[in-house]
Amino acid sequence: MNLFRMTMYSRYFSATVLVLIGLAATACDGPRGITALNAETPAAPANTPGTYRISPGDKLKITVFNETDLSGEFQVNERGNVAFPLVGEVQAANSTPDEFQQRLTARLRGKFVKNPRVSVEITSYRPFNVLGEVRNAGQFPYRPGLTIQDAVALAGGFTYRANTRTVYVRRAESGGEISVSIDGEKVPILPGDSIRVPERYF
């Protein structure tokens, strides 16, 4: 009787261990897809004042109310500044539109405009590039909401040699490429991205 109980206990213990090992393996098997991009990069910016940070190459619409000579469209130069009438260059890069608006307002207040009311809007973003195995590689204008799939479509689609599951993305501020799986996933891009579609290996 004791031997029988010990045998049944041994079988029950072995089955329990196998179940626990299976659950642990399942927990370690994380979600597949765009993990490399999601872990290292932010989502694509929305065209709202609070989320996007201005970069060289962006174009801004600046309005100073009741001051038509100080209103218009201005390009952010390669130094990240906006050359603005009266006050000269004002640093814009790495600022949100709201932050830049506050900085410009402070520069104008008192000395040039008694009580300036300023609005800042991004009218166009720096372009992105699509390289490699696409039909029409080149530079394309960015707009909020674009994905890697959209970028490839704008470049004429994949060539027959293209790897259609994995591409490489280089962020403008980063030093290297990120490998991104796009197999069934919509992957957002950012202004200034360089997207390289590699050749597949047969």
Protein backbone atom coordinates (compact mmCIF):
# COMPACT_ATOMS: atom_id res chain seq x y z
CA MET A 1 0.00 0.00 0.00
CA ASN A 2 2.78 2.39 0.89
CA LEU A 3 4.64 1.55 -2.31
CA PHE A 4 1.49 2.23 -4.34
CA ARG A 5 0.99 5.64 -2.70
CA MET A 6 4.63 6.59 -3.26
CA THR A 7 4.36 5.67 -6.97
CA MET A 8 1.21 7.77 -7.45
CA TYR A 9 2.77 10.70 -5.60
CA SER A 10 5.87 10.51 -7.81
CA ARG A 11 3.76 10.57 -10.98
CA TYR A 12 1.69 13.53 -9.73
CA PHE A 13 4.82 15.50 -8.78
CA SER A 14 6.42 14.88 -12.21
CA ALA A 15 3.29 16.03 -14.07
CA THR A 16 3.08 19.19 -11.94
CA VAL A 17 6.69 20.07 -12.69
CA LEU A 18 6.13 19.64 -16.43
CA VAL A 19 3.08 21.94 -16.34
CA LEU A 20 5.01 24.63 -14.44
CA ILE A 21 7.91 24.46 -16.91
CA GLY A 22 5.47 24.86 -19.80
CA LEU A 23 3.86 27.92 -18.20
CA ALA A 24 7.24 29.52 -17.58
CA ALA A 25 8.29 28.98 -21.18
CA THR A 26 5.05 30.54 -22.42
CA ALA A 27 5.56 33.60 -20.21
CA CYS A 28 9.07 34.10 -21.56
CA ASP A 29 7.89 33.91 -25.14
CA GLY A 30 7.00 37.60 -25.56
CA PRO A 31 5.07 39.25 -28.38
CA ARG A 32 6.60 39.02 -31.79
CA GLY A 33 6.77 41.77 -34.41
CA ILE A 34 8.09 45.30 -33.95
CA THR A 35 9.76 44.79 -30.58
CA ALA A 36 13.05 46.40 -31.66
CA LEU A 37 11.39 49.62 -32.75
CA ASN A 38 8.94 49.76 -29.86
CA ALA A 39 11.67 49.31 -27.28
CA GLU A 40 13.99 52.01 -28.57
CA THR A 41 11.95 54.65 -30.32
CA PRO A 42 8.89 56.79 -29.67
CA ALA A 43 5.67 56.57 -31.62
CA ALA A 44 5.15 58.81 -34.60
CA PRO A 45 4.33 62.39 -33.64
CA ALA A 46 0.84 63.75 -33.91
CA ASN A 47 0.39 67.18 -35.44
CA THR A 48 -0.42 68.74 -32.08
CA PRO A 49 1.52 71.43 -30.20
CA GLY A 50 2.32 69.32 -27.17
CA THR A 51 3.87 66.19 -28.67
CA TYR A 52 6.25 66.95 -31.53
CA ARG A 53 9.69 68.53 -31.09
CA ILE A 54 10.83 70.90 -33.80
CA SER A 55 13.80 69.83 -35.93
CA PRO A 56 16.04 71.42 -38.59
CA GLY A 57 14.23 71.38 -41.92
CA ASP A 58 10.76 71.93 -40.44
CA LYS A 59 8.75 74.91 -41.62
CA LEU A 60 6.76 76.97 -39.11
CA LYS A 61 3.85 79.34 -39.57
CA ILE A 62 4.33 82.12 -37.03
CA THR A 63 1.61 84.67 -36.43
CA VAL A 64 2.11 87.76 -34.28
CA PHE A 65 -1.38 89.23 -33.94
CA ASN A 66 -1.76 92.77 -35.30
CA GLU A 67 1.84 92.63 -36.60
CA THR A 68 1.65 91.59 -40.25
CA ASP A 69 5.33 92.38 -40.83
CA LEU A 70 6.27 89.80 -38.20
CA SER A 71 3.95 87.04 -39.44
CA GLY A 72 4.66 84.40 -42.06
CA GLU A 73 6.35 81.05 -42.73
CA PHE A 74 9.86 80.46 -41.47
CA GLN A 75 12.29 77.58 -42.06
CA VAL A 76 14.24 76.03 -39.19
CA ASN A 77 17.86 76.20 -40.39
CA GLU A 78 20.58 73.56 -40.05
CA ARG A 79 21.61 75.06 -36.70
CA GLY A 80 18.09 74.52 -35.37
CA ASN A 81 17.26 78.25 -35.29
CA VAL A 82 14.65 80.48 -36.86
CA ALA A 83 15.86 83.80 -38.28
CA PHE A 84 13.10 86.14 -37.12
CA PRO A 85 12.66 89.85 -37.94
CA LEU A 86 13.91 92.33 -35.32
CA VAL A 87 15.12 89.72 -32.81
CA GLY A 88 17.47 87.70 -35.02
CA GLU A 89 17.94 83.95 -34.62
CA VAL A 90 15.78 82.16 -32.05
CA GLN A 91 16.54 78.60 -31.01
CA ALA A 92 13.74 76.24 -32.10
CA ALA A 93 15.15 72.70 -32.41
CA ASN A 94 14.23 70.22 -29.66
CA SER A 95 11.41 72.50 -28.51
CA THR A 96 7.70 71.84 -28.83
CA PRO A 97 5.75 74.51 -30.73
CA ASP A 98 4.42 75.76 -27.38
CA GLU A 99 7.92 76.07 -25.93
CA PHE A 100 9.17 77.92 -29.00
CA GLN A 101 6.14 80.22 -28.91
CA GLN A 102 6.93 81.14 -25.31
CA ARG A 103 10.61 81.77 -26.15
CA LEU A 104 9.76 84.00 -29.12
CA THR A 105 7.13 85.89 -27.13
CA ALA A 106 9.70 86.64 -24.43
CA ARG A 107 12.18 87.94 -27.04
CA LEU A 108 9.56 90.25 -28.58
CA ARG A 109 7.95 91.53 -25.39
CA GLY A 110 8.64 95.10 -24.36
CA LYS A 111 11.55 96.01 -26.62
CA PHE A 112 9.83 95.31 -29.95
CA VAL A 113 6.13 94.62 -29.23
CA LYS A 114 4.38 95.91 -26.13
CA ASN A 115 2.14 92.89 -25.52
CA PRO A 116 2.87 90.26 -28.17
CA ARG A 117 0.41 87.46 -28.86
CA VAL A 118 2.15 84.76 -30.83
CA SER A 119 0.98 81.48 -32.34
CA VAL A 120 3.21 78.79 -33.84
CA GLU A 121 2.10 75.99 -36.14
CA ILE A 122 4.15 73.39 -38.02
CA THR A 123 3.19 73.55 -41.70
CA SER A 124 5.66 70.98 -43.03
CA TYR A 125 8.09 68.52 -41.52
CA ARG A 126 11.57 67.53 -42.66
CA PRO A 127 11.36 64.76 -45.28
CA PHE A 128 12.18 61.08 -44.87
CA ASN A 129 14.18 58.78 -47.15
CA VAL A 130 13.44 55.35 -48.58
CA LEU A 131 16.42 53.36 -49.86
CA GLY A 132 17.24 49.89 -51.11
CA GLU A 133 14.89 47.44 -52.78
CA VAL A 134 12.04 49.77 -53.74
CA ARG A 135 11.08 50.87 -57.23
CA ASN A 136 11.59 54.61 -56.75
CA ALA A 137 14.06 55.27 -53.95
CA GLY A 138 14.34 58.87 -52.81
CA GLN A 139 13.22 61.59 -50.42
CA PHE A 140 9.56 62.11 -49.60
CA PRO A 141 7.56 64.71 -47.61
CA TYR A 142 6.50 63.59 -44.15
CA ARG A 143 3.02 63.91 -42.74
CA PRO A 144 1.74 62.72 -39.35
CA GLY A 145 0.46 59.16 -39.24
CA LEU A 146 2.70 57.69 -41.94
CA THR A 147 3.87 54.11 -41.45
CA ILE A 148 6.75 52.17 -42.98
CA GLN A 149 4.24 50.46 -45.24
CA ASP A 150 3.02 53.87 -46.45
CA ALA A 151 6.60 54.97 -47.06
CA VAL A 152 7.32 51.90 -49.18
CA ALA A 153 4.13 52.51 -51.17
CA LEU A 154 5.16 56.13 -51.82
CA ALA A 155 8.47 54.79 -53.13
CA GLY A 156 6.68 52.61 -55.67
CA GLY A 157 6.51 49.40 -53.65
CA PHE A 158 8.95 46.54 -53.17
CA THR A 159 11.08 45.14 -55.96
CA TYR A 160 10.94 41.39 -56.58
CA ARG A 161 14.26 41.04 -54.73
CA ALA A 162 13.07 42.83 -51.57
CA ASN A 163 12.83 41.37 -48.12
CA THR A 164 9.20 42.21 -47.40
CA ARG A 165 9.29 41.19 -43.74
CA THR A 166 12.24 43.11 -42.29
CA VAL A 167 13.51 46.64 -42.98
CA TYR A 168 16.09 48.88 -41.32
CA VAL A 169 15.29 52.31 -39.89
CA ARG A 170 17.83 55.00 -38.99
CA ARG A 171 16.50 57.82 -36.82
CA ALA A 172 17.93 61.25 -37.56
CA GLU A 173 19.28 61.59 -34.00
CA SER A 174 20.61 58.02 -33.65
CA GLY A 175 23.94 56.59 -34.65
CA GLY A 176 22.80 53.32 -36.19
CA GLU A 177 20.04 51.36 -37.84
CA ILE A 178 17.25 49.50 -36.08
CA SER A 179 16.03 46.20 -37.49
CA VAL A 180 12.22 46.25 -37.72
CA SER A 181 9.87 43.38 -38.48
CA ILE A 182 6.88 44.59 -40.53
CA ASP A 183 5.23 41.23 -41.07
CA GLY A 184 1.59 42.15 -40.55
CA GLU A 185 2.31 45.16 -38.31
CA LYS A 186 1.77 48.88 -39.01
CA VAL A 187 4.98 50.58 -37.94
CA PRO A 188 5.01 54.41 -37.57
CA ILE A 189 7.84 56.57 -38.86
CA LEU A 190 9.19 59.97 -37.81
CA PRO A 191 10.37 63.01 -39.77
CA GLY A 192 13.95 62.57 -40.97
CA ASP A 193 13.88 58.76 -40.87
CA SER A 194 15.90 56.77 -43.39
CA ILE A 195 14.20 53.50 -44.26
CA ARG A 196 16.32 50.85 -46.00
CA VAL A 197 14.68 47.82 -47.59
CA PRO A 198 17.23 45.01 -47.85
CA GLU A 199 17.49 42.30 -50.47
CA ARG A 200 16.12 38.93 -49.45
CA TYR A 201 18.31 35.84 -49.40
CA PHE A 202 16.98 32.99 -51.47
